[in-house]
Amino acid sequence: GEQQRVALARAFIGRPRILFADEPTGNLDAETSHRVEDLLFDLNAEAGTALVVVTHDPDLAARTERVLRLRGGRLVSDEATGRGDEGVGRRGGEGGRGGTERPTVHAASG
């Protein structure tokens, strides 16, 4: 968890306009994951950075403003989570989780 926290601090220090986080909590236990997620979203809010998170974790996805699901390299759904001000509706195909579904791309902006 310490390496992820240091990496996040380094990533945000330059105040990027957009930041991509690929499975930022993938190999962490639940408690450490929550701490890293909190830091990720706190830094995101402070910096006003557009944040794109790629994850298989539905709890992490639920913390974002928008969820895009991909299957077979294609967008199958685009949903607002109610966390942000954007009024993004559901579009695309089925949004269920199948065994061949690719990681979900989540977007959060500060």
PDB file of N, CA and C in Angstrom:
ATOM      1  N   GLY A   1       0.798  -1.197   0.000  1.00  0.00           N
ATOM      2  CA  GLY A   1       0.000   0.000   0.000  1.00  0.00           C
ATOM      3  C   GLY A   1       0.844   1.265   0.000  1.00  0.00           C
ATOM      4  N   GLU A   2       1.997   1.202   0.669  1.00  0.00           N
ATOM      5  CA  GLU A   2       2.856   2.389   0.732  1.00  0.00           C
ATOM      6  C   GLU A   2       3.334   2.788  -0.666  1.00  0.00           C
ATOM      7  N   GLN A   3       3.686   1.813  -1.493  1.00  0.00           N
ATOM      8  CA  GLN A   3       4.137   2.118  -2.856  1.00  0.00           C
ATOM      9  C   GLN A   3       3.030   2.784  -3.659  1.00  0.00           C
ATOM     10  N   GLN A   4       1.774   2.330  -3.511  1.00  0.00           N
ATOM     11  CA  GLN A   4       0.664   2.936  -4.231  1.00  0.00           C
ATOM     12  C   GLN A   4       0.440   4.372  -3.771  1.00  0.00           C
ATOM     13  N   ARG A   5       0.544   4.611  -2.461  1.00  0.00           N
ATOM     14  CA  ARG A   5       0.347   5.969  -1.948  1.00  0.00           C
ATOM     15  C   ARG A   5       1.429   6.917  -2.467  1.00  0.00           C
ATOM     16  N   VAL A   6       2.664   6.454  -2.479  1.00  0.00           N
ATOM     17  CA  VAL A   6       3.760   7.279  -3.001  1.00  0.00           C
ATOM     18  C   VAL A   6       3.561   7.529  -4.499  1.00  0.00           C
ATOM     19  N   ALA A   7       3.165   6.504  -5.241  1.00  0.00           N
ATOM     20  CA  ALA A   7       2.933   6.654  -6.677  1.00  0.00           C
ATOM     21  C   ALA A   7       1.810   7.661  -6.950  1.00  0.00           C
ATOM     22  N   LEU A   8       0.754   7.623  -6.155  1.00  0.00           N
ATOM     23  CA  LEU A   8      -0.345   8.577  -6.329  1.00  0.00           C
ATOM     24  C   LEU A   8       0.125  10.001  -6.057  1.00  0.00           C
ATOM     25  N   ALA A   9       0.863  10.187  -4.978  1.00  0.00           N
ATOM     26  CA  ALA A   9       1.371  11.528  -4.661  1.00  0.00           C
ATOM     27  C   ALA A   9       2.238  12.052  -5.799  1.00  0.00           C
ATOM     28  N   ARG A  10       3.097  11.208  -6.314  1.00  0.00           N
ATOM     29  CA  ARG A  10       3.958  11.612  -7.440  1.00  0.00           C
ATOM     30  C   ARG A  10       3.135  11.934  -8.680  1.00  0.00           C
ATOM     31  N   ALA A  11       2.109  11.133  -8.933  1.00  0.00           N
ATOM     32  CA  ALA A  11       1.286  11.334 -10.128  1.00  0.00           C
ATOM     33  C   ALA A  11       0.544  12.666 -10.080  1.00  0.00           C
ATOM     34  N   PHE A  12       0.079  13.058  -8.913  1.00  0.00           N
ATOM     35  CA  PHE A  12      -0.698  14.292  -8.793  1.00  0.00           C
ATOM     36  C   PHE A  12       0.150  15.538  -8.596  1.00  0.00           C
ATOM     37  N   ILE A  13       1.422  15.386  -8.244  1.00  0.00           N
ATOM     38  CA  ILE A  13       2.251  16.545  -7.900  1.00  0.00           C
ATOM     39  C   ILE A  13       2.360  17.545  -9.052  1.00  0.00           C
ATOM     40  N   GLY A  14       2.365  17.068 -10.282  1.00  0.00           N
ATOM     41  CA  GLY A  14       2.458  17.962 -11.432  1.00  0.00           C
ATOM     42  C   GLY A  14       1.121  18.516 -11.881  1.00  0.00           C
ATOM     43  N   ARG A  15       0.056  18.228 -11.124  1.00  0.00           N
ATOM     44  CA  ARG A  15      -1.303  18.674 -11.441  1.00  0.00           C
ATOM     45  C   ARG A  15      -1.680  18.375 -12.891  1.00  0.00           C
ATOM     46  N   PRO A  16      -1.663  17.111 -13.270  1.00  0.00           N
ATOM     47  CA  PRO A  16      -2.020  16.764 -14.648  1.00  0.00           C
ATOM     48  C   PRO A  16      -3.498  17.053 -14.910  1.00  0.00           C
ATOM     49  N   ARG A  17      -3.844  17.277 -16.161  1.00  0.00           N
ATOM     50  CA  ARG A  17      -5.251  17.486 -16.527  1.00  0.00           C
ATOM     51  C   ARG A  17      -6.026  16.184 -16.461  1.00  0.00           C
ATOM     52  N   ILE A  18      -5.349  15.079 -16.775  1.00  0.00           N
ATOM     53  CA  ILE A  18      -5.984  13.768 -16.753  1.00  0.00           C
ATOM     54  C   ILE A  18      -4.992  12.760 -16.182  1.00  0.00           C
ATOM     55  N   LEU A  19      -5.518  11.820 -15.404  1.00  0.00           N
ATOM     56  CA  LEU A  19      -4.678  10.794 -14.806  1.00  0.00           C
ATOM     57  C   LEU A  19      -5.350   9.444 -15.017  1.00  0.00           C
ATOM     58  N   PHE A  20      -4.596   8.477 -15.483  1.00  0.00           N
ATOM     59  CA  PHE A  20      -5.091   7.118 -15.685  1.00  0.00           C
ATOM     60  C   PHE A  20      -4.573   6.229 -14.562  1.00  0.00           C
ATOM     61  N   ALA A  21      -5.478   5.507 -13.903  1.00  0.00           N
ATOM     62  CA  ALA A  21      -5.106   4.594 -12.827  1.00  0.00           C
ATOM     63  C   ALA A  21      -5.585   3.197 -13.207  1.00  0.00           C
ATOM     64  N   ASP A  22      -4.655   2.316 -13.500  1.00  0.00           N
ATOM     65  CA  ASP A  22      -4.971   0.950 -13.930  1.00  0.00           C
ATOM     66  C   ASP A  22      -4.893   0.013 -12.730  1.00  0.00           C
ATOM     67  N   GLU A  23      -6.042  -0.472 -12.274  1.00  0.00           N
ATOM     68  CA  GLU A  23      -6.135  -1.374 -11.110  1.00  0.00           C
ATOM     69  C   GLU A  23      -5.327  -0.834  -9.920  1.00  0.00           C
ATOM     70  N   PRO A  24      -5.645   0.387  -9.456  1.00  0.00           N
ATOM     71  CA  PRO A  24      -4.827   0.997  -8.406  1.00  0.00           C
ATOM     72  C   PRO A  24      -4.848   0.246  -7.068  1.00  0.00           C
ATOM     73  N   THR A  25      -5.843  -0.609  -6.852  1.00  0.00           N
ATOM     74  CA  THR A  25      -5.926  -1.354  -5.590  1.00  0.00           C
ATOM     75  C   THR A  25      -5.933  -2.858  -5.820  1.00  0.00           C
ATOM     76  N   GLY A  26      -5.508  -3.280  -6.998  1.00  0.00           N
ATOM     77  CA  GLY A  26      -5.619  -4.669  -7.416  1.00  0.00           C
ATOM     78  C   GLY A  26      -5.006  -5.715  -6.506  1.00  0.00           C
ATOM     79  N   ASN A  27      -3.873  -5.449  -5.898  1.00  0.00           N
ATOM     80  CA  ASN A  27      -3.184  -6.462  -5.090  1.00  0.00           C
ATOM     81  C   ASN A  27      -3.160  -6.127  -3.608  1.00  0.00           C
ATOM     82  N   LEU A  28      -4.138  -5.345  -3.160  1.00  0.00           N
ATOM     83  CA  LEU A  28      -4.129  -4.896  -1.771  1.00  0.00           C
ATOM     84  C   LEU A  28      -5.253  -5.553  -0.973  1.00  0.00           C
ATOM     85  N   ASP A  29      -5.032  -5.655   0.344  1.00  0.00           N
ATOM     86  CA  ASP A  29      -6.102  -6.146   1.215  1.00  0.00           C
ATOM     87  C   ASP A  29      -7.173  -5.058   1.321  1.00  0.00           C
ATOM     88  N   ALA A  30      -8.344  -5.405   1.852  1.00  0.00           N
ATOM     89  CA  ALA A  30      -9.494  -4.503   1.877  1.00  0.00           C
ATOM     90  C   ALA A  30      -9.202  -3.194   2.608  1.00  0.00           C
ATOM     91  N   GLU A  31      -8.582  -3.273   3.772  1.00  0.00           N
ATOM     92  CA  GLU A  31      -8.306  -2.063   4.562  1.00  0.00           C
ATOM     93  C   GLU A  31      -7.357  -1.120   3.824  1.00  0.00           C
ATOM     94  N   THR A  32      -6.282  -1.672   3.279  1.00  0.00           N
ATOM     95  CA  THR A  32      -5.320  -0.854   2.540  1.00  0.00           C
ATOM     96  C   THR A  32      -5.951  -0.306   1.271  1.00  0.00           C
ATOM     97  N   SER A  33      -6.777  -1.100   0.608  1.00  0.00           N
ATOM     98  CA  SER A  33      -7.479  -0.634  -0.592  1.00  0.00           C
ATOM     99  C   SER A  33      -8.303   0.603  -0.300  1.00  0.00           C
ATOM    100  N   HIS A  34      -9.041   0.574   0.799  1.00  0.00           N
ATOM    101  CA  HIS A  34      -9.879   1.726   1.164  1.00  0.00           C
ATOM    102  C   HIS A  34      -9.039   2.972   1.423  1.00  0.00           C
ATOM    103  N   ARG A  35      -7.904   2.804   2.078  1.00  0.00           N
ATOM    104  CA  ARG A  35      -7.025   3.954   2.333  1.00  0.00           C
ATOM    105  C   ARG A  35      -6.474   4.523   1.024  1.00  0.00           C
ATOM    106  N   VAL A  36      -6.068   3.645   0.108  1.00  0.00           N
ATOM    107  CA  VAL A  36      -5.536   4.098  -1.181  1.00  0.00           C
ATOM    108  C   VAL A  36      -6.645   4.765  -1.994  1.00  0.00           C
ATOM    109  N   GLU A  37      -7.847   4.182  -1.985  1.00  0.00           N
ATOM    110  CA  GLU A  37      -8.979   4.792  -2.697  1.00  0.00           C
ATOM    111  C   GLU A  37      -9.282   6.181  -2.148  1.00  0.00           C
ATOM    112  N   ASP A  38      -9.319   6.308  -0.824  1.00  0.00           N
ATOM    113  CA  ASP A  38      -9.579   7.609  -0.207  1.00  0.00           C
ATOM    114  C   ASP A  38      -8.545   8.632  -0.659  1.00  0.00           C
ATOM    115  N   LEU A  39      -7.282   8.241  -0.646  1.00  0.00           N
ATOM    116  CA  LEU A  39      -6.217   9.137  -1.086  1.00  0.00           C
ATOM    117  C   LEU A  39      -6.397   9.499  -2.557  1.00  0.00           C
ATOM    118  N   LEU A  40      -6.691   8.522  -3.383  1.00  0.00           N
ATOM    119  CA  LEU A  40      -6.882   8.750  -4.817  1.00  0.00           C
ATOM    120  C   LEU A  40      -7.962   9.801  -5.056  1.00  0.00           C
ATOM    121  N   PHE A  41      -9.115   9.633  -4.421  1.00  0.00           N
ATOM    122  CA  PHE A  41     -10.225  10.563  -4.645  1.00  0.00           C
ATOM    123  C   PHE A  41     -10.008  11.910  -3.957  1.00  0.00           C
ATOM    124  N   ASP A  42      -9.321  11.931  -2.817  1.00  0.00           N
ATOM    125  CA  ASP A  42      -8.993  13.202  -2.173  1.00  0.00           C
ATOM    126  C   ASP A  42      -8.045  14.024  -3.041  1.00  0.00           C
ATOM    127  N   LEU A  43      -6.994  13.388  -3.539  1.00  0.00           N
ATOM    128  CA  LEU A  43      -6.048  14.084  -4.416  1.00  0.00           C
ATOM    129  C   LEU A  43      -6.731  14.524  -5.702  1.00  0.00           C
ATOM    130  N   ASN A  44      -7.618  13.695  -6.219  1.00  0.00           N
ATOM    131  CA  ASN A  44      -8.379  14.020  -7.421  1.00  0.00           C
ATOM    132  C   ASN A  44      -9.198  15.290  -7.199  1.00  0.00           C
ATOM    133  N   ALA A  45      -9.888  15.377  -6.077  1.00  0.00           N
ATOM    134  CA  ALA A  45     -10.716  16.547  -5.781  1.00  0.00           C
ATOM    135  C   ALA A  45      -9.861  17.799  -5.592  1.00  0.00           C
ATOM    136  N   GLU A  46      -8.741  17.662  -4.892  1.00  0.00           N
ATOM    137  CA  GLU A  46      -7.855  18.798  -4.656  1.00  0.00           C
ATOM    138  C   GLU A  46      -7.255  19.328  -5.950  1.00  0.00           C
ATOM    139  N   ALA A  47      -6.836  18.433  -6.824  1.00  0.00           N
ATOM    140  CA  ALA A  47      -6.138  18.828  -8.046  1.00  0.00           C
ATOM    141  C   ALA A  47      -7.091  19.211  -9.172  1.00  0.00           C
ATOM    142  N   GLY A  48      -8.356  18.779  -9.099  1.00  0.00           N
ATOM    143  CA  GLY A  48      -9.291  19.048 -10.186  1.00  0.00           C
ATOM    144  C   GLY A  48      -8.937  18.289 -11.449  1.00  0.00           C
ATOM    145  N   THR A  49      -8.257  17.180 -11.274  1.00  0.00           N
ATOM    146  CA  THR A  49      -7.799  16.356 -12.389  1.00  0.00           C
ATOM    147  C   THR A  49      -8.917  15.443 -12.870  1.00  0.00           C
ATOM    148  N   ALA A  50      -9.028  15.250 -14.173  1.00  0.00           N
ATOM    149  CA  ALA A  50      -9.911  14.210 -14.696  1.00  0.00           C
ATOM    150  C   ALA A  50      -9.236  12.877 -14.401  1.00  0.00           C
ATOM    151  N   LEU A  51      -9.988  11.966 -13.827  1.00  0.00           N
ATOM    152  CA  LEU A  51      -9.429  10.694 -13.389  1.00  0.00           C
ATOM    153  C   LEU A  51     -10.125   9.556 -14.116  1.00  0.00           C
ATOM    154  N   VAL A  52      -9.339   8.682 -14.729  1.00  0.00           N
ATOM    155  CA  VAL A  52      -9.871   7.484 -15.378  1.00  0.00           C
ATOM    156  C   VAL A  52      -9.297   6.290 -14.642  1.00  0.00           C
ATOM    157  N   VAL A  53     -10.185   5.473 -14.073  1.00  0.00           N
ATOM    158  CA  VAL A  53      -9.783   4.310 -13.300  1.00  0.00           C
ATOM    159  C   VAL A  53     -10.222   3.058 -14.049  1.00  0.00           C
ATOM    160  N   VAL A  54      -9.295   2.132 -14.253  1.00  0.00           N
ATOM    161  CA  VAL A  54      -9.623   0.837 -14.849  1.00  0.00           C
ATOM    162  C   VAL A  54      -9.582  -0.181 -13.725  1.00  0.00           C
ATOM    163  N   THR A  55     -10.694  -0.902 -13.521  1.00  0.00           N
ATOM    164  CA  THR A  55     -10.772  -1.834 -12.397  1.00  0.00           C
ATOM    165  C   THR A  55     -11.810  -2.915 -12.627  1.00  0.00           C
ATOM    166  N   HIS A  56     -11.656  -4.009 -11.910  1.00  0.00           N
ATOM    167  CA  HIS A  56     -12.665  -5.060 -11.837  1.00  0.00           C
ATOM    168  C   HIS A  56     -13.462  -4.947 -10.538  1.00  0.00           C
ATOM    169  N   ASP A  57     -13.114  -4.001  -9.674  1.00  0.00           N
ATOM    170  CA  ASP A  57     -13.690  -3.859  -8.343  1.00  0.00           C
ATOM    171  C   ASP A  57     -14.965  -3.011  -8.385  1.00  0.00           C
ATOM    172  N   PRO A  58     -16.144  -3.618  -8.198  1.00  0.00           N
ATOM    173  CA  PRO A  58     -17.397  -2.854  -8.263  1.00  0.00           C
ATOM    174  C   PRO A  58     -17.515  -1.805  -7.159  1.00  0.00           C
ATOM    175  N   ASP A  59     -16.885  -2.023  -6.001  1.00  0.00           N
ATOM    176  CA  ASP A  59     -16.937  -1.028  -4.930  1.00  0.00           C
ATOM    177  C   ASP A  59     -16.155   0.228  -5.316  1.00  0.00           C
ATOM    178  N   LEU A  60     -15.014   0.043  -5.938  1.00  0.00           N
ATOM    179  CA  LEU A  60     -14.242   1.186  -6.427  1.00  0.00           C
ATOM    180  C   LEU A  60     -15.016   1.892  -7.528  1.00  0.00           C
ATOM    181  N   ALA A  61     -15.612   1.142  -8.434  1.00  0.00           N
ATOM    182  CA  ALA A  61     -16.401   1.730  -9.523  1.00  0.00           C
ATOM    183  C   ALA A  61     -17.536   2.583  -8.990  1.00  0.00           C
ATOM    184  N   ALA A  62     -18.156   2.141  -7.905  1.00  0.00           N
ATOM    185  CA  ALA A  62     -19.298   2.856  -7.338  1.00  0.00           C
ATOM    186  C   ALA A  62     -18.913   4.236  -6.799  1.00  0.00           C
ATOM    187  N   ARG A  63     -17.637   4.474  -6.580  1.00  0.00           N
ATOM    188  CA  ARG A  63     -17.177   5.765  -6.066  1.00  0.00           C
ATOM    189  C   ARG A  63     -16.942   6.793  -7.164  1.00  0.00           C
ATOM    190  N   THR A  64     -17.093   6.398  -8.415  1.00  0.00           N
ATOM    191  CA  THR A  64     -16.852   7.311  -9.524  1.00  0.00           C
ATOM    192  C   THR A  64     -18.162   7.938 -10.004  1.00  0.00           C
ATOM    193  N   GLU A  65     -18.053   8.931 -10.880  1.00  0.00           N
ATOM    194  CA  GLU A  65     -19.222   9.616 -11.425  1.00  0.00           C
ATOM    195  C   GLU A  65     -19.850   8.865 -12.583  1.00  0.00           C
ATOM    196  N   ARG A  66     -19.047   8.104 -13.271  1.00  0.00           N
ATOM    197  CA  ARG A  66     -19.507   7.482 -14.518  1.00  0.00           C
ATOM    198  C   ARG A  66     -18.817   6.147 -14.682  1.00  0.00           C
ATOM    199  N   VAL A  67     -19.558   5.144 -15.170  1.00  0.00           N
ATOM    200  CA  VAL A  67     -19.006   3.806 -15.381  1.00  0.00           C
ATOM    201  C   VAL A  67     -19.216   3.425 -16.835  1.00  0.00           C
ATOM    202  N   LEU A  68     -18.121   3.098 -17.500  1.00  0.00           N
ATOM    203  CA  LEU A  68     -18.156   2.590 -18.876  1.00  0.00           C
ATOM    204  C   LEU A  68     -17.745   1.131 -18.823  1.00  0.00           C
ATOM    205  N   ARG A  69     -18.575   0.239 -19.356  1.00  0.00           N
ATOM    206  CA  ARG A  69     -18.230  -1.193 -19.365  1.00  0.00           C
ATOM    207  C   ARG A  69     -17.889  -1.609 -20.787  1.00  0.00           C
ATOM    208  N   LEU A  70     -16.796  -2.391 -20.873  1.00  0.00           N
ATOM    209  CA  LEU A  70     -16.327  -2.897 -22.154  1.00  0.00           C
ATOM    210  C   LEU A  70     -16.434  -4.405 -22.177  1.00  0.00           C
ATOM    211  N   ARG A  71     -16.770  -4.948 -23.317  1.00  0.00           N
ATOM    212  CA  ARG A  71     -16.757  -6.399 -23.513  1.00  0.00           C
ATOM    213  C   ARG A  71     -16.271  -6.640 -24.947  1.00  0.00           C
ATOM    214  N   GLY A  72     -15.269  -7.485 -25.075  1.00  0.00           N
ATOM    215  CA  GLY A  72     -14.737  -7.782 -26.406  1.00  0.00           C
ATOM    216  C   GLY A  72     -14.215  -6.545 -27.114  1.00  0.00           C
ATOM    217  N   GLY A  73     -13.708  -5.590 -26.340  1.00  0.00           N
ATOM    218  CA  GLY A  73     -13.163  -4.368 -26.929  1.00  0.00           C
ATOM    219  C   GLY A  73     -14.216  -3.356 -27.329  1.00  0.00           C
ATOM    220  N   ARG A  74     -15.472  -3.612 -27.008  1.00  0.00           N
ATOM    221  CA  ARG A  74     -16.557  -2.697 -27.369  1.00  0.00           C
ATOM    222  C   ARG A  74     -17.259  -2.163 -26.131  1.00  0.00           C
ATOM    223  N   LEU A  75     -17.714  -0.920 -26.238  1.00  0.00           N
ATOM    224  CA  LEU A  75     -18.484  -0.306 -25.172  1.00  0.00           C
ATOM    225  C   LEU A  75     -19.860  -0.955 -25.115  1.00  0.00           C
ATOM    226  N   VAL A  76     -20.234  -1.510 -23.961  1.00  0.00           N
ATOM    227  CA  VAL A  76     -21.542  -2.146 -23.824  1.00  0.00           C
ATOM    228  C   VAL A  76     -22.473  -1.362 -22.905  1.00  0.00           C
ATOM    229  N   SER A  77     -21.942  -0.464 -22.084  1.00  0.00           N
ATOM    230  CA  SER A  77     -22.811   0.401 -21.288  1.00  0.00           C
ATOM    231  C   SER A  77     -22.061   1.628 -20.823  1.00  0.00           C
ATOM    232  N   ASP A  78     -22.820   2.662 -20.570  1.00  0.00           N
ATOM    233  CA  ASP A  78     -22.304   3.947 -20.118  1.00  0.00           C
ATOM    234  C   ASP A  78     -23.327   4.454 -19.102  1.00  0.00           C
ATOM    235  N   GLU A  79     -22.944   4.462 -17.827  1.00  0.00           N
ATOM    236  CA  GLU A  79     -23.897   4.776 -16.772  1.00  0.00           C
ATOM    237  C   GLU A  79     -23.366   5.850 -15.832  1.00  0.00           C
ATOM    238  N   ALA A  80     -24.263   6.747 -15.421  1.00  0.00           N
ATOM    239  CA  ALA A  80     -23.946   7.685 -14.353  1.00  0.00           C
ATOM    240  C   ALA A  80     -24.169   6.960 -13.033  1.00  0.00           C
ATOM    241  N   THR A  81     -23.337   7.238 -12.054  1.00  0.00           N
ATOM    242  CA  THR A  81     -23.484   6.584 -10.749  1.00  0.00           C
ATOM    243  C   THR A  81     -24.249   7.458  -9.773  1.00  0.00           C
ATOM    244  N   GLY A  82     -24.514   8.696 -10.147  1.00  0.00           N
ATOM    245  CA  GLY A  82     -25.171   9.612  -9.239  1.00  0.00           C
ATOM    246  C   GLY A  82     -24.196  10.350  -8.341  1.00  0.00           C
ATOM    247  N   ARG A  83     -22.891  10.100  -8.532  1.00  0.00           N
ATOM    248  CA  ARG A  83     -21.871  10.738  -7.698  1.00  0.00           C
ATOM    249  C   ARG A  83     -21.492  12.132  -8.188  1.00  0.00           C
ATOM    250  N   GLY A  84     -21.742  12.419  -9.473  1.00  0.00           N
ATOM    251  CA  GLY A  84     -21.314  13.695 -10.034  1.00  0.00           C
ATOM    252  C   GLY A  84     -22.490  14.474 -10.584  1.00  0.00           C
ATOM    253  N   ASP A  85     -22.183  15.580 -11.221  1.00  0.00           N
ATOM    254  CA  ASP A  85     -23.218  16.453 -11.771  1.00  0.00           C
ATOM    255  C   ASP A  85     -23.616  16.085 -13.180  1.00  0.00           C
ATOM    256  N   GLU A  86     -22.830  15.212 -13.840  1.00  0.00           N
ATOM    257  CA  GLU A  86     -23.125  14.856 -15.221  1.00  0.00           C
ATOM    258  C   GLU A  86     -24.373  13.995 -15.296  1.00  0.00           C
ATOM    259  N   GLY A  87     -25.223  14.260 -16.272  1.00  0.00           N
ATOM    260  CA  GLY A  87     -26.428  13.468 -16.457  1.00  0.00           C
ATOM    261  C   GLY A  87     -26.228  12.435 -17.538  1.00  0.00           C
ATOM    262  N   VAL A  88     -25.327  11.517 -17.340  1.00  0.00           N
ATOM    263  CA  VAL A  88     -25.045  10.494 -18.332  1.00  0.00           C
ATOM    264  C   VAL A  88     -26.032   9.359 -18.131  1.00  0.00           C
ATOM    265  N   GLY A  89     -26.744   9.002 -19.181  1.00  0.00           N
ATOM    266  CA  GLY A  89     -27.698   7.910 -19.081  1.00  0.00           C
ATOM    267  C   GLY A  89     -27.082   6.612 -19.548  1.00  0.00           C
ATOM    268  N   ARG A  90     -27.803   5.546 -19.363  1.00  0.00           N
ATOM    269  CA  ARG A  90     -27.328   4.230 -19.791  1.00  0.00           C
ATOM    270  C   ARG A  90     -27.475   4.132 -21.296  1.00  0.00           C
ATOM    271  N   ARG A  91     -26.416   3.671 -21.939  1.00  0.00           N
ATOM    272  CA  ARG A  91     -26.435   3.474 -23.387  1.00  0.00           C
ATOM    273  C   ARG A  91     -25.753   2.161 -23.689  1.00  0.00           C
ATOM    274  N   GLY A  92     -25.969   1.689 -24.877  1.00  0.00           N
ATOM    275  CA  GLY A  92     -25.230   0.510 -25.329  1.00  0.00           C
ATOM    276  C   GLY A  92     -25.961  -0.764 -25.002  1.00  0.00           C
ATOM    277  N   GLY A  93     -25.228  -1.860 -25.047  1.00  0.00           N
ATOM    278  CA  GLY A  93     -25.795  -3.190 -24.875  1.00  0.00           C
ATOM    279  C   GLY A  93     -25.952  -3.554 -23.426  1.00  0.00           C
ATOM    280  N   GLU A  94     -25.962  -4.848 -23.196  1.00  0.00           N
ATOM    281  CA  GLU A  94     -26.168  -5.351 -21.846  1.00  0.00           C
ATOM    282  C   GLU A  94     -25.007  -4.972 -20.944  1.00  0.00           C
ATOM    283  N   GLY A  95     -25.319  -4.752 -19.677  1.00  0.00           N
ATOM    284  CA  GLY A  95     -24.280  -4.316 -18.750  1.00  0.00           C
ATOM    285  C   GLY A  95     -23.905  -5.368 -17.732  1.00  0.00           C
ATOM    286  N   GLY A  96     -24.377  -6.601 -17.903  1.00  0.00           N
ATOM    287  CA  GLY A  96     -24.073  -7.643 -16.918  1.00  0.00           C
ATOM    288  C   GLY A  96     -22.623  -8.035 -16.933  1.00  0.00           C
ATOM    289  N   ARG A  97     -22.196  -8.679 -15.870  1.00  0.00           N
ATOM    290  CA  ARG A  97     -20.811  -9.114 -15.784  1.00  0.00           C
ATOM    291  C   ARG A  97     -20.708 -10.551 -16.259  1.00  0.00           C
ATOM    292  N   GLY A  98     -20.018 -10.755 -17.355  1.00  0.00           N
ATOM    293  CA  GLY A  98     -19.794 -12.098 -17.866  1.00  0.00           C
ATOM    294  C   GLY A  98     -18.354 -12.482 -17.681  1.00  0.00           C
ATOM    295  N   GLY A  99     -18.046 -13.732 -17.850  1.00  0.00           N
ATOM    296  CA  GLY A  99     -16.691 -14.194 -17.650  1.00  0.00           C
ATOM    297  C   GLY A  99     -15.699 -13.623 -18.632  1.00  0.00           C
ATOM    298  N   THR A 100     -16.162 -13.147 -19.782  1.00  0.00           N
ATOM    299  CA  THR A 100     -15.246 -12.621 -20.790  1.00  0.00           C
ATOM    300  C   THR A 100     -15.217 -11.104 -20.792  1.00  0.00           C
ATOM    301  N   GLU A 101     -15.897 -10.483 -19.852  1.00  0.00           N
ATOM    302  CA  GLU A 101     -15.945  -9.030 -19.829  1.00  0.00           C
ATOM    303  C   GLU A 101     -14.579  -8.456 -19.481  1.00  0.00           C
ATOM    304  N   ARG A 102     -14.228  -7.384 -20.176  1.00  0.00           N
ATOM    305  CA  ARG A 102     -12.967  -6.701 -19.939  1.00  0.00           C
ATOM    306  C   ARG A 102     -13.091  -5.839 -18.692  1.00  0.00           C
ATOM    307  N   PRO A 103     -11.975  -5.339 -18.183  1.00  0.00           N
ATOM    308  CA  PRO A 103     -12.051  -4.430 -17.042  1.00  0.00           C
ATOM    309  C   PRO A 103     -12.954  -3.250 -17.364  1.00  0.00           C
ATOM    310  N   THR A 104     -13.571  -2.725 -16.346  1.00  0.00           N
ATOM    311  CA  THR A 104     -14.447  -1.578 -16.499  1.00  0.00           C
ATOM    312  C   THR A 104     -13.633  -0.314 -16.380  1.00  0.00           C
ATOM    313  N   VAL A 105     -13.953   0.643 -17.218  1.00  0.00           N
ATOM    314  CA  VAL A 105     -13.296   1.951 -17.187  1.00  0.00           C
ATOM    315  C   VAL A 105     -14.226   2.896 -16.454  1.00  0.00           C
ATOM    316  N   HIS A 106     -13.712   3.580 -15.467  1.00  0.00           N
ATOM    317  CA  HIS A 106     -14.508   4.481 -14.660  1.00  0.00           C
ATOM    318  C   HIS A 106     -13.918   5.874 -14.763  1.00  0.00           C
ATOM    319  N   ALA A 107     -14.768   6.850 -14.769  1.00  0.00           N
ATOM    320  CA  ALA A 107     -14.283   8.222 -14.866  1.00  0.00           C
ATOM    321  C   ALA A 107     -14.748   9.022 -13.670  1.00  0.00           C
ATOM    322  N   ALA A 108     -13.853   9.786 -13.118  1.00  0.00           N
ATOM    323  CA  ALA A 108     -14.201  10.710 -12.039  1.00  0.00           C
ATOM    324  C   ALA A 108     -13.454  12.010 -12.301  1.00  0.00           C
ATOM    325  N   SER A 109     -14.114  13.110 -12.133  1.00  0.00           N
ATOM    326  CA  SER A 109     -13.428  14.386 -12.306  1.00  0.00           C
ATOM    327  C   SER A 109     -13.528  15.191 -11.030  1.00  0.00           C
ATOM    328  N   GLY A 110     -12.538  16.004 -10.829  1.00  0.00           N
ATOM    329  CA  GLY A 110     -12.486  16.787  -9.595  1.00  0.00           C
ATOM    330  C   GLY A 110     -13.138  18.117  -9.739  1.00  0.00           C
TER     331      GLY A 110
END
